[in-house]
């Protein structure tokens, strides 16, 4: 499965605190290998983002992504309340 990053995702990633970036890189590597790894807490979103999914970086930070066929696009990253 191919994983790509949107421009918005990349821009928001660079604005994250350095310690969160380090954790996020580890979680992204896990995600690329296994999207359903239990530690990621991958889940379907609802409401205005019902076509998207999310996984946890830690208790506060999330990554939002969209899956289409064999393509995954990471669309957002940030605090839970900011990305939902």
C-alpha atoms as a PDB file:
ATOM      1  CA  UNK A   1       0.000   0.000   0.000  1.00  0.00           C
ATOM      2  CA  UNK A   2       1.319   3.435  -0.953  1.00  0.00           C
ATOM      3  CA  UNK A   3       1.315   6.161   1.746  1.00  0.00           C
ATOM      4  CA  UNK A   4       1.594   9.810   0.719  1.00  0.00           C
ATOM      5  CA  UNK A   5       1.554  13.125   2.608  1.00  0.00           C
ATOM      6  CA  UNK A   6      -0.645  16.095   1.708  1.00  0.00           C
ATOM      7  CA  UNK A   7       0.902  19.562   1.654  1.00  0.00           C
ATOM      8  CA  UNK A   8      -1.199  20.537   4.676  1.00  0.00           C
ATOM      9  CA  UNK A   9      -0.012  17.486   6.610  1.00  0.00           C
ATOM     10  CA  UNK A  10       3.644  18.288   5.908  1.00  0.00           C
ATOM     11  CA  UNK A  11       3.190  21.936   6.891  1.00  0.00           C
ATOM     12  CA  UNK A  12       1.436  21.083  10.168  1.00  0.00           C
ATOM     13  CA  UNK A  13       4.003  18.359  10.950  1.00  0.00           C
ATOM     14  CA  UNK A  14       6.835  20.907  10.776  1.00  0.00           C
ATOM     15  CA  UNK A  15       4.985  23.119  13.286  1.00  0.00           C
ATOM     16  CA  UNK A  16       4.681  20.359  15.909  1.00  0.00           C
ATOM     17  CA  UNK A  17       6.928  20.411  18.982  1.00  0.00           C
ATOM     18  CA  UNK A  18      10.180  18.526  18.360  1.00  0.00           C
ATOM     19  CA  UNK A  19       9.385  15.767  20.885  1.00  0.00           C
ATOM     20  CA  UNK A  20       6.008  15.117  19.197  1.00  0.00           C
ATOM     21  CA  UNK A  21       7.694  14.984  15.777  1.00  0.00           C
ATOM     22  CA  UNK A  22      10.016  12.246  17.036  1.00  0.00           C
ATOM     23  CA  UNK A  23       7.117  10.183  18.424  1.00  0.00           C
ATOM     24  CA  UNK A  24       5.095  10.817  15.248  1.00  0.00           C
ATOM     25  CA  UNK A  25       7.903   9.485  13.038  1.00  0.00           C
ATOM     26  CA  UNK A  26       7.974   6.254  15.059  1.00  0.00           C
ATOM     27  CA  UNK A  27       4.176   5.902  14.842  1.00  0.00           C
ATOM     28  CA  UNK A  28       4.222   6.615  11.096  1.00  0.00           C
ATOM     29  CA  UNK A  29       6.747   3.816  10.563  1.00  0.00           C
ATOM     30  CA  UNK A  30       4.480   1.461  12.507  1.00  0.00           C
ATOM     31  CA  UNK A  31       1.465   2.663  10.492  1.00  0.00           C
ATOM     32  CA  UNK A  32       3.198   1.984   7.169  1.00  0.00           C
ATOM     33  CA  UNK A  33       3.913  -1.607   8.229  1.00  0.00           C
ATOM     34  CA  UNK A  34       0.538  -2.321   9.878  1.00  0.00           C
ATOM     35  CA  UNK A  35      -2.353   0.192   9.818  1.00  0.00           C
ATOM     36  CA  UNK A  36      -4.225  -1.853  12.409  1.00  0.00           C
ATOM     37  CA  UNK A  37      -1.463  -2.164  15.026  1.00  0.00           C
ATOM     38  CA  UNK A  38      -3.421  -1.895  18.317  1.00  0.00           C
ATOM     39  CA  UNK A  39      -1.105   0.762  19.770  1.00  0.00           C
ATOM     40  CA  UNK A  40      -2.198   3.149  16.975  1.00  0.00           C
ATOM     41  CA  UNK A  41      -5.891   2.958  17.940  1.00  0.00           C
ATOM     42  CA  UNK A  42      -6.904   3.368  14.285  1.00  0.00           C
ATOM     43  CA  UNK A  43     -10.559   4.332  13.963  1.00  0.00           C
ATOM     44  CA  UNK A  44     -13.140   5.644  11.482  1.00  0.00           C
ATOM     45  CA  UNK A  45     -14.216   9.260  11.899  1.00  0.00           C
ATOM     46  CA  UNK A  46     -17.767  10.614  11.845  1.00  0.00           C
ATOM     47  CA  UNK A  47     -19.561  13.806  10.906  1.00  0.00           C
ATOM     48  CA  UNK A  48     -17.823  16.114   8.460  1.00  0.00           C
ATOM     49  CA  UNK A  49     -14.844  13.718   8.299  1.00  0.00           C
ATOM     50  CA  UNK A  50     -16.865  10.526   7.805  1.00  0.00           C
ATOM     51  CA  UNK A  51     -14.777   9.563   4.768  1.00  0.00           C
ATOM     52  CA  UNK A  52     -11.587   9.667   6.837  1.00  0.00           C
ATOM     53  CA  UNK A  53      -9.782   7.660   9.501  1.00  0.00           C
ATOM     54  CA  UNK A  54      -7.416   8.582  12.328  1.00  0.00           C
ATOM     55  CA  UNK A  55      -4.724   7.015  14.468  1.00  0.00           C
ATOM     56  CA  UNK A  56      -3.076   8.168  17.687  1.00  0.00           C
ATOM     57  CA  UNK A  57       0.401   9.604  18.057  1.00  0.00           C
ATOM     58  CA  UNK A  58      -0.124   9.843  21.809  1.00  0.00           C
ATOM     59  CA  UNK A  59      -3.018  10.740  24.102  1.00  0.00           C
ATOM     60  CA  UNK A  60      -3.273  14.293  22.691  1.00  0.00           C
ATOM     61  CA  UNK A  61      -2.101  14.106  19.058  1.00  0.00           C
ATOM     62  CA  UNK A  62      -3.733  12.388  16.074  1.00  0.00           C
ATOM     63  CA  UNK A  63      -3.073  11.749  12.388  1.00  0.00           C
ATOM     64  CA  UNK A  64      -6.029  11.907  10.008  1.00  0.00           C
ATOM     65  CA  UNK A  65      -5.881   9.982   6.737  1.00  0.00           C
ATOM     66  CA  UNK A  66      -7.990   9.016   3.759  1.00  0.00           C
ATOM     67  CA  UNK A  67      -7.790   5.626   2.049  1.00  0.00           C
ATOM     68  CA  UNK A  68      -8.722   5.006  -1.556  1.00  0.00           C
ATOM     69  CA  UNK A  69      -8.019   1.602  -3.061  1.00  0.00           C
ATOM     70  CA  UNK A  70      -4.302   0.927  -2.453  1.00  0.00           C
ATOM     71  CA  UNK A  71      -3.486   4.579  -1.713  1.00  0.00           C
ATOM     72  CA  UNK A  72      -3.398   6.273   1.699  1.00  0.00           C
ATOM     73  CA  UNK A  73      -3.155  10.052   1.951  1.00  0.00           C
ATOM     74  CA  UNK A  74      -2.190  11.546   5.306  1.00  0.00           C
ATOM     75  CA  UNK A  75      -4.263  14.732   5.415  1.00  0.00           C
ATOM     76  CA  UNK A  76      -3.843  16.223   8.894  1.00  0.00           C
ATOM     77  CA  UNK A  77      -1.879  15.970  12.132  1.00  0.00           C
ATOM     78  CA  UNK A  78      -2.316  17.804  15.394  1.00  0.00           C
ATOM     79  CA  UNK A  79      -4.091  17.986  18.711  1.00  0.00           C
ATOM     80  CA  UNK A  80      -7.227  15.887  18.981  1.00  0.00           C
ATOM     81  CA  UNK A  81      -9.630  18.847  19.076  1.00  0.00           C
ATOM     82  CA  UNK A  82      -7.832  20.647  16.222  1.00  0.00           C
ATOM     83  CA  UNK A  83      -8.001  17.796  13.702  1.00  0.00           C
ATOM     84  CA  UNK A  84     -11.542  16.630  14.506  1.00  0.00           C
END
